[in-house]
Amino acid sequence: GSGGYWGAASRPSSPGVIMGDAGGGSETSSIMPPPSRPKSRLDQGGATSKYNNLSYWRARKVLFYKNGDPFFPGVEFRFKPGRDIVSLESLLDKLSLRMDLPRGARFVFSMDGDRKLRLEELEDGASYVVSSYKTFKV
């Protein structure tokens, strides 16, 4: 009868779709295991390891100013540490392309003149001064 025909026709297609969905879903969930992370972070007492600190991986928005140039408007830079930018060196390479510094961007200072040596030291929403030289000028 016709009932048997329709039953047979819909059977191969619908399980295939459902299986494909479930397969895709289980794959993505196996890639993302963050729910277990915050617990271990508390056990270890804060930022002992930068990789357990989830905020380390969040995108940061940082403003960079040119050393000794009060008229420079500042370059806004968004990056995800460890993904877009791996180290302070790679950040400086990108800043060199966007800022016209005499010898490229080579040093990063906080606004009060502390030299930043590691990417992890750059905080989200903060402003920094970029220089070609080790000397800091406002």
C-alpha atoms as a PDB file:
ATOM      1  CA  GLY A   1       0.000   0.000   0.000  1.00  0.00           C
ATOM      2  CA  SER A   2       0.906   3.661  -0.206  1.00  0.00           C
ATOM      3  CA  GLY A   3       1.492   3.877   3.560  1.00  0.00           C
ATOM      4  CA  GLY A   4       4.407   1.464   3.266  1.00  0.00           C
ATOM      5  CA  TYR A   5       5.893   3.488   0.422  1.00  0.00           C
ATOM      6  CA  TRP A   6       5.827   6.796   2.324  1.00  0.00           C
ATOM      7  CA  GLY A   7       7.170   5.172   5.445  1.00  0.00           C
ATOM      8  CA  ALA A   8      10.082   3.740   3.480  1.00  0.00           C
ATOM      9  CA  ALA A   9      10.796   6.995   1.660  1.00  0.00           C
ATOM     10  CA  SER A  10      10.933   9.175   4.747  1.00  0.00           C
ATOM     11  CA  ARG A  11      12.948   6.688   6.765  1.00  0.00           C
ATOM     12  CA  PRO A  12      16.389   7.006   5.107  1.00  0.00           C
ATOM     13  CA  SER A  13      16.361  10.797   4.911  1.00  0.00           C
ATOM     14  CA  SER A  14      15.222  11.769   8.400  1.00  0.00           C
ATOM     15  CA  PRO A  15      17.585   9.560  10.466  1.00  0.00           C
ATOM     16  CA  GLY A  16      20.418  10.821   8.279  1.00  0.00           C
ATOM     17  CA  VAL A  17      19.589  14.431   9.109  1.00  0.00           C
ATOM     18  CA  ILE A  18      19.192  13.740  12.806  1.00  0.00           C
ATOM     19  CA  MET A  19      22.406  11.724  12.921  1.00  0.00           C
ATOM     20  CA  GLY A  20      24.303  14.482  11.118  1.00  0.00           C
ATOM     21  CA  ASP A  21      23.021  17.039  13.598  1.00  0.00           C
ATOM     22  CA  ALA A  22      23.893  14.954  16.615  1.00  0.00           C
ATOM     23  CA  GLY A  23      27.306  14.191  15.170  1.00  0.00           C
ATOM     24  CA  GLY A  24      28.046  17.865  14.604  1.00  0.00           C
ATOM     25  CA  GLY A  25      26.761  18.784  18.041  1.00  0.00           C
ATOM     26  CA  SER A  26      28.868  16.219  19.844  1.00  0.00           C
ATOM     27  CA  GLU A  27      31.977  17.326  17.966  1.00  0.00           C
ATOM     28  CA  THR A  28      31.697  20.961  18.989  1.00  0.00           C
ATOM     29  CA  SER A  29      30.906  20.094  22.581  1.00  0.00           C
ATOM     30  CA  SER A  30      33.993  17.875  22.750  1.00  0.00           C
ATOM     31  CA  ILE A  31      36.143  20.793  21.563  1.00  0.00           C
ATOM     32  CA  MET A  32      34.825  23.170  24.233  1.00  0.00           C
ATOM     33  CA  PRO A  33      35.346  21.898  27.782  1.00  0.00           C
ATOM     34  CA  PRO A  34      35.444  25.215  29.688  1.00  0.00           C
ATOM     35  CA  PRO A  35      32.865  24.407  32.416  1.00  0.00           C
ATOM     36  CA  SER A  36      35.514  22.430  34.313  1.00  0.00           C
ATOM     37  CA  ARG A  37      38.043  25.272  34.064  1.00  0.00           C
ATOM     38  CA  PRO A  38      36.837  27.882  36.596  1.00  0.00           C
ATOM     39  CA  LYS A  39      36.838  25.275  39.376  1.00  0.00           C
ATOM     40  CA  SER A  40      40.525  24.462  38.932  1.00  0.00           C
ATOM     41  CA  ARG A  41      41.247  28.186  38.652  1.00  0.00           C
ATOM     42  CA  LEU A  42      39.848  28.792  42.135  1.00  0.00           C
ATOM     43  CA  ASP A  43      41.727  25.804  43.540  1.00  0.00           C
ATOM     44  CA  GLN A  44      45.026  27.152  42.249  1.00  0.00           C
ATOM     45  CA  GLY A  45      44.523  30.576  43.757  1.00  0.00           C
ATOM     46  CA  GLY A  46      44.011  33.047  40.944  1.00  0.00           C
ATOM     47  CA  ALA A  47      46.464  33.780  38.167  1.00  0.00           C
ATOM     48  CA  THR A  48      49.213  31.326  39.061  1.00  0.00           C
ATOM     49  CA  SER A  49      49.035  29.966  35.533  1.00  0.00           C
ATOM     50  CA  LYS A  50      47.972  32.370  32.814  1.00  0.00           C
ATOM     51  CA  TYR A  51      46.229  29.570  30.904  1.00  0.00           C
ATOM     52  CA  ASN A  52      43.777  28.835  33.691  1.00  0.00           C
ATOM     53  CA  ASN A  53      42.828  32.484  33.834  1.00  0.00           C
ATOM     54  CA  LEU A  54      39.924  32.682  31.396  1.00  0.00           C
ATOM     55  CA  SER A  55      40.145  36.444  31.059  1.00  0.00           C
ATOM     56  CA  TYR A  56      43.613  35.907  29.558  1.00  0.00           C
ATOM     57  CA  TRP A  57      41.975  34.564  26.415  1.00  0.00           C
ATOM     58  CA  ARG A  58      39.338  37.305  26.101  1.00  0.00           C
ATOM     59  CA  ALA A  59      39.831  39.870  23.386  1.00  0.00           C
ATOM     60  CA  ARG A  60      41.448  43.052  24.626  1.00  0.00           C
ATOM     61  CA  LYS A  61      40.981  46.572  23.385  1.00  0.00           C
ATOM     62  CA  VAL A  62      44.055  48.688  23.972  1.00  0.00           C
ATOM     63  CA  LEU A  63      44.988  52.228  22.929  1.00  0.00           C
ATOM     64  CA  PHE A  64      48.545  52.944  21.831  1.00  0.00           C
ATOM     65  CA  TYR A  65      50.079  56.407  21.714  1.00  0.00           C
ATOM     66  CA  LYS A  66      53.300  57.536  20.118  1.00  0.00           C
ATOM     67  CA  ASN A  67      56.170  58.315  22.465  1.00  0.00           C
ATOM     68  CA  GLY A  68      56.840  62.067  22.610  1.00  0.00           C
ATOM     69  CA  ASP A  69      54.031  63.004  20.195  1.00  0.00           C
ATOM     70  CA  PRO A  70      51.246  64.839  22.049  1.00  0.00           C
ATOM     71  CA  PHE A  71      49.281  65.355  18.817  1.00  0.00           C
ATOM     72  CA  PHE A  72      49.087  61.694  17.847  1.00  0.00           C
ATOM     73  CA  PRO A  73      45.435  60.595  18.244  1.00  0.00           C
ATOM     74  CA  GLY A  74      46.254  57.057  19.379  1.00  0.00           C
ATOM     75  CA  VAL A  75      45.754  53.733  17.638  1.00  0.00           C
ATOM     76  CA  GLU A  76      43.026  51.451  18.924  1.00  0.00           C
ATOM     77  CA  PHE A  77      44.047  47.836  18.747  1.00  0.00           C
ATOM     78  CA  ARG A  78      41.849  44.808  19.427  1.00  0.00           C
ATOM     79  CA  PHE A  79      43.449  41.413  19.789  1.00  0.00           C
ATOM     80  CA  LYS A  80      43.014  38.031  21.420  1.00  0.00           C
ATOM     81  CA  PRO A  81      46.189  37.027  23.226  1.00  0.00           C
ATOM     82  CA  GLY A  82      47.406  33.661  22.022  1.00  0.00           C
ATOM     83  CA  ARG A  83      45.252  33.769  18.881  1.00  0.00           C
ATOM     84  CA  ASP A  84      45.572  37.003  16.897  1.00  0.00           C
ATOM     85  CA  ILE A  85      48.819  37.938  18.564  1.00  0.00           C
ATOM     86  CA  VAL A  86      51.180  35.463  20.153  1.00  0.00           C
ATOM     87  CA  SER A  87      53.816  37.672  21.747  1.00  0.00           C
ATOM     88  CA  LEU A  88      54.719  41.280  22.409  1.00  0.00           C
ATOM     89  CA  GLU A  89      57.067  41.076  19.396  1.00  0.00           C
ATOM     90  CA  SER A  90      54.254  40.221  17.004  1.00  0.00           C
ATOM     91  CA  LEU A  91      52.160  43.049  18.477  1.00  0.00           C
ATOM     92  CA  LEU A  92      55.040  45.488  17.920  1.00  0.00           C
ATOM     93  CA  ASP A  93      55.379  44.293  14.316  1.00  0.00           C
ATOM     94  CA  LYS A  94      51.727  45.101  13.686  1.00  0.00           C
ATOM     95  CA  LEU A  95      51.987  48.460  15.460  1.00  0.00           C
ATOM     96  CA  SER A  96      55.042  49.370  13.366  1.00  0.00           C
ATOM     97  CA  LEU A  97      52.854  49.119  10.273  1.00  0.00           C
ATOM     98  CA  ARG A  98      50.214  51.430  11.728  1.00  0.00           C
ATOM     99  CA  MET A  99      52.383  54.011  13.473  1.00  0.00           C
ATOM    100  CA  ASP A 100      55.012  56.145  11.848  1.00  0.00           C
ATOM    101  CA  LEU A 101      57.865  55.700  14.306  1.00  0.00           C
ATOM    102  CA  PRO A 102      61.492  56.511  13.394  1.00  0.00           C
ATOM    103  CA  ARG A 103      62.703  52.949  13.922  1.00  0.00           C
ATOM    104  CA  GLY A 104      59.413  51.086  14.229  1.00  0.00           C
ATOM    105  CA  ALA A 105      57.550  50.107  17.381  1.00  0.00           C
ATOM    106  CA  ARG A 106      60.078  48.452  19.664  1.00  0.00           C
ATOM    107  CA  PHE A 107      59.111  49.264  23.244  1.00  0.00           C
ATOM    108  CA  VAL A 108      55.804  49.510  25.088  1.00  0.00           C
ATOM    109  CA  PHE A 109      55.382  51.614  28.227  1.00  0.00           C
ATOM    110  CA  SER A 110      52.446  52.178  30.526  1.00  0.00           C
ATOM    111  CA  MET A 111      51.235  55.778  30.830  1.00  0.00           C
ATOM    112  CA  ASP A 112      53.453  56.281  33.874  1.00  0.00           C
ATOM    113  CA  GLY A 113      56.565  54.994  32.148  1.00  0.00           C
ATOM    114  CA  ASP A 114      56.762  51.343  33.219  1.00  0.00           C
ATOM    115  CA  ARG A 115      58.167  49.224  30.426  1.00  0.00           C
ATOM    116  CA  LYS A 116      55.964  46.283  29.432  1.00  0.00           C
ATOM    117  CA  LEU A 117      57.865  43.157  28.472  1.00  0.00           C
ATOM    118  CA  ARG A 118      55.088  40.585  28.057  1.00  0.00           C
ATOM    119  CA  LEU A 119      51.811  40.540  26.200  1.00  0.00           C
ATOM    120  CA  GLU A 120      50.028  39.411  29.386  1.00  0.00           C
ATOM    121  CA  GLU A 121      50.885  42.735  31.040  1.00  0.00           C
ATOM    122  CA  LEU A 122      48.692  44.699  28.613  1.00  0.00           C
ATOM    123  CA  GLU A 123      45.279  45.162  30.166  1.00  0.00           C
ATOM    124  CA  ASP A 124      41.939  45.465  28.420  1.00  0.00           C
ATOM    125  CA  GLY A 125      40.816  49.076  28.057  1.00  0.00           C
ATOM    126  CA  ALA A 126      44.178  50.542  29.070  1.00  0.00           C
ATOM    127  CA  SER A 127      46.387  52.977  27.160  1.00  0.00           C
ATOM    128  CA  TYR A 128      50.076  52.507  26.437  1.00  0.00           C
ATOM    129  CA  VAL A 129      52.907  54.435  24.844  1.00  0.00           C
ATOM    130  CA  VAL A 130      54.886  52.884  22.002  1.00  0.00           C
ATOM    131  CA  SER A 131      58.468  53.931  21.343  1.00  0.00           C
ATOM    132  CA  SER A 132      61.411  53.153  19.068  1.00  0.00           C
ATOM    133  CA  TYR A 133      63.764  53.885  21.941  1.00  0.00           C
ATOM    134  CA  LYS A 134      64.163  52.781  25.536  1.00  0.00           C
ATOM    135  CA  THR A 135      63.575  56.302  26.801  1.00  0.00           C
ATOM    136  CA  PHE A 136      60.056  57.281  27.807  1.00  0.00           C
ATOM    137  CA  LYS A 137      58.742  60.770  26.996  1.00  0.00           C
ATOM    138  CA  VAL A 138      55.200  61.948  27.529  1.00  0.00           C
END
